[in-house]
Amino acid sequence: WLGGWVLSRQGSGFLSVLHSLGKFLHLDVMTNIIYWLMGLPAGLKINENLNHCLGSMVLYGINFWNQVTTIGTQYEAVIVWSFALCGVFGASFVVALASDVLALITPHVDFVHSAFSRLWNLTLSGLSSLWKLFRGKKQNVLRNRVDSCQYDMDELVLGTILFTLLFFLSP
């Protein structure tokens, strides 16, 4: 109850601290990390073109979400008053509401994480399939086992090229 009363009285100060913290974490820290990863992170020499392409897409997503949240700043006073009114229900209710609001304002981070996780999973499954091709094996999905298989020279050459490409593009 006391926290809700303080929040309702000091809403503008709370919002200014929240804006500066959000700008620091969202724009400054994330952008600097993406630029670091696009360069030579930890002295590793990785594919510059792929880094630039993926990093540019992530930076575009960050800038786009910054524009979306800038449009939503007109509703901040209503959100602060909602938090203040929910203070009547107890601190656990306010913490749960804060967790929900945090989940609503950070979907771009979740999207980037899921996209890169899916890309990594596809890379690993492709490398696994091509490794089985080198050993003369294939995955039998009906019986859930690995069977022997005879491949043509064209299939082996194509598999070699694809394996090399995936292997050197993976981190």
Protein backbone atom coordinates (compact mmCIF):
# COMPACT_ATOMS: atom_id res chain seq x y z
CA TRP A 1 0.00 0.00 0.00
CA LEU A 2 2.79 2.41 0.92
CA GLY A 3 4.69 1.58 -2.29
CA GLY A 4 1.61 2.38 -4.38
CA TRP A 5 1.18 5.72 -2.64
CA VAL A 6 4.86 6.63 -3.18
CA LEU A 7 4.63 5.53 -6.80
CA SER A 8 1.54 7.65 -7.39
CA ARG A 9 3.26 10.72 -5.88
CA GLN A 10 6.66 10.26 -7.53
CA GLY A 11 5.53 8.88 -10.92
CA SER A 12 7.44 11.39 -13.05
CA GLY A 13 10.73 10.74 -11.25
CA PHE A 14 10.16 6.99 -11.56
CA LEU A 15 9.49 7.38 -15.28
CA SER A 16 12.66 9.41 -15.87
CA VAL A 17 14.77 6.76 -14.09
CA LEU A 18 12.98 4.05 -16.08
CA HIS A 19 13.63 5.89 -19.38
CA SER A 20 17.32 6.38 -18.70
CA LEU A 21 17.74 2.75 -17.58
CA GLY A 22 15.79 1.47 -20.59
CA LYS A 23 17.79 3.61 -23.00
CA PHE A 24 21.05 2.45 -21.46
CA LEU A 25 20.18 -1.27 -21.50
CA HIS A 26 18.15 -1.37 -24.68
CA LEU A 27 19.99 0.94 -27.01
CA ASP A 28 23.48 1.48 -25.68
CA VAL A 29 24.43 -1.93 -24.26
CA MET A 30 22.67 -4.10 -26.86
CA THR A 31 23.89 -2.01 -29.79
CA ASN A 32 27.48 -2.02 -28.50
CA ILE A 33 27.36 -5.80 -28.04
CA ILE A 34 26.03 -6.30 -31.57
CA TYR A 35 28.74 -4.07 -33.04
CA TRP A 36 31.36 -5.98 -31.03
CA LEU A 37 30.01 -9.28 -32.36
CA MET A 38 30.01 -7.89 -35.90
CA GLY A 39 33.70 -7.06 -35.58
CA LEU A 40 36.34 -9.44 -34.29
CA PRO A 41 34.90 -10.74 -31.00
CA ALA A 42 37.60 -11.97 -28.63
CA GLY A 43 40.10 -11.95 -31.49
CA LEU A 44 38.25 -14.63 -33.48
CA LYS A 45 38.26 -14.28 -37.23
CA ILE A 46 34.84 -15.34 -38.44
CA ASN A 47 32.84 -14.79 -41.61
CA GLU A 48 32.59 -11.02 -41.96
CA ASN A 49 29.80 -10.99 -44.55
CA LEU A 50 27.59 -13.31 -42.50
CA ASN A 51 28.31 -11.31 -39.34
CA HIS A 52 27.43 -8.06 -41.08
CA CYS A 53 24.20 -9.49 -42.51
CA LEU A 54 22.97 -11.01 -39.23
CA GLY A 55 24.15 -8.07 -37.13
CA SER A 56 22.43 -5.57 -39.43
CA MET A 57 19.17 -7.49 -39.16
CA VAL A 58 19.39 -7.52 -35.36
CA LEU A 59 20.21 -3.79 -35.27
CA TYR A 60 17.27 -3.11 -37.57
CA GLY A 61 15.02 -5.05 -35.20
CA ILE A 62 16.32 -3.09 -32.21
CA ASN A 63 15.75 0.25 -33.97
CA PHE A 64 12.29 -0.83 -35.13
CA TRP A 65 11.30 -1.86 -31.61
CA ASN A 66 12.67 1.43 -30.28
CA GLN A 67 10.30 3.27 -32.65
CA VAL A 68 7.37 1.09 -31.53
CA THR A 69 8.07 1.70 -27.84
CA THR A 70 8.52 5.43 -28.50
CA ILE A 71 4.98 5.53 -29.86
CA GLY A 72 3.77 3.75 -26.72
CA THR A 73 5.26 6.34 -24.34
CA GLN A 74 2.02 8.28 -24.32
CA TYR A 75 0.49 5.53 -22.16
CA GLU A 76 3.20 5.56 -19.49
CA ALA A 77 1.24 7.66 -17.03
CA VAL A 78 -1.65 5.19 -17.20
CA ILE A 79 0.74 2.30 -16.60
CA VAL A 80 2.32 3.99 -13.56
CA TRP A 81 -1.12 4.71 -12.10
CA SER A 82 -2.09 1.07 -12.71
CA PHE A 83 0.96 -0.03 -10.79
CA ALA A 84 0.10 2.39 -7.99
CA LEU A 85 -3.47 1.12 -7.79
CA CYS A 86 -2.33 -2.49 -7.84
CA GLY A 87 -0.15 -1.75 -4.82
CA VAL A 88 -3.30 -2.21 -2.77
CA PHE A 89 -3.25 -5.93 -3.59
CA GLY A 90 0.26 -6.42 -2.24
CA ALA A 91 3.84 -6.50 -3.36
CA SER A 92 3.58 -9.91 -5.02
CA PHE A 93 0.83 -8.60 -7.29
CA VAL A 94 2.96 -5.61 -8.31
CA VAL A 95 5.99 -7.85 -8.96
CA ALA A 96 3.83 -10.17 -11.11
CA LEU A 97 2.49 -7.16 -13.02
CA ALA A 98 6.05 -5.86 -13.52
CA SER A 99 7.08 -9.26 -14.86
CA ASP A 100 4.17 -9.21 -17.34
CA VAL A 101 5.00 -5.68 -18.50
CA LEU A 102 8.67 -6.66 -18.94
CA ALA A 103 7.58 -9.61 -21.08
CA LEU A 104 5.42 -7.27 -23.17
CA ILE A 105 8.16 -4.74 -23.83
CA THR A 106 10.93 -7.22 -24.74
CA PRO A 107 9.51 -9.51 -27.46
CA HIS A 108 12.27 -8.46 -29.87
CA VAL A 109 14.89 -10.07 -27.64
CA ASP A 110 12.86 -13.27 -27.48
CA PHE A 111 12.41 -13.20 -31.27
CA VAL A 112 16.16 -12.82 -31.89
CA HIS A 113 16.90 -15.62 -29.43
CA SER A 114 14.39 -17.99 -31.03
CA ALA A 115 15.57 -17.14 -34.56
CA PHE A 116 19.23 -17.80 -33.75
CA SER A 117 18.34 -20.95 -31.81
CA ARG A 118 16.41 -22.26 -34.80
CA LEU A 119 19.27 -21.35 -37.14
CA TRP A 120 21.75 -23.18 -34.90
CA ASN A 121 19.47 -26.23 -34.71
CA LEU A 122 19.20 -26.33 -38.51
CA THR A 123 22.97 -26.06 -38.84
CA LEU A 124 23.57 -28.91 -36.42
CA SER A 125 20.98 -31.17 -38.06
CA GLY A 126 22.46 -30.42 -41.49
CA LEU A 127 25.98 -31.20 -40.29
CA SER A 128 24.73 -34.42 -38.71
CA SER A 129 23.02 -35.55 -41.92
CA LEU A 130 26.03 -34.71 -44.06
CA TRP A 131 28.38 -36.48 -41.64
CA LYS A 132 26.23 -39.59 -42.00
CA LEU A 133 26.49 -39.19 -45.78
CA PHE A 134 30.29 -39.34 -45.53
CA ARG A 135 30.10 -42.56 -43.56
CA GLY A 136 27.68 -44.15 -46.04
CA LYS A 137 24.74 -44.02 -43.64
CA LYS A 138 21.29 -42.45 -43.64
CA GLN A 139 18.63 -41.88 -41.00
CA ASN A 140 15.64 -44.23 -41.30
CA VAL A 141 12.82 -42.21 -39.75
CA LEU A 142 10.28 -45.06 -39.99
CA ARG A 143 12.33 -47.44 -37.87
CA ASN A 144 14.18 -44.72 -35.94
CA ARG A 145 17.64 -46.06 -36.72
CA VAL A 146 20.65 -45.42 -38.94
CA ASP A 147 20.91 -47.70 -42.00
CA SER A 148 23.69 -48.23 -44.54
CA CYS A 149 23.30 -46.64 -47.96
CA GLN A 150 25.25 -46.49 -51.22
CA TYR A 151 25.66 -42.96 -52.58
CA ASP A 152 26.66 -41.87 -56.10
CA MET A 153 29.76 -39.77 -56.73
CA ASP A 154 27.60 -36.70 -57.51
CA GLU A 155 25.84 -36.99 -54.16
CA LEU A 156 29.14 -37.31 -52.31
CA VAL A 157 30.61 -34.27 -54.05
CA LEU A 158 27.51 -32.19 -53.33
CA GLY A 159 27.56 -33.42 -49.73
CA THR A 160 31.21 -32.46 -49.39
CA ILE A 161 30.54 -28.95 -50.68
CA LEU A 162 27.53 -28.47 -48.40
CA PHE A 163 29.33 -29.91 -45.37
CA THR A 164 32.29 -27.60 -45.93
CA LEU A 165 30.00 -24.62 -46.33
CA LEU A 166 28.00 -25.38 -43.17
CA PHE A 167 31.09 -26.29 -41.17
CA PHE A 168 32.95 -23.06 -41.91
CA LEU A 169 29.88 -20.84 -41.48
CA SER A 170 29.06 -22.26 -38.06
CA PRO A 171 30.66 -20.55 -35.07
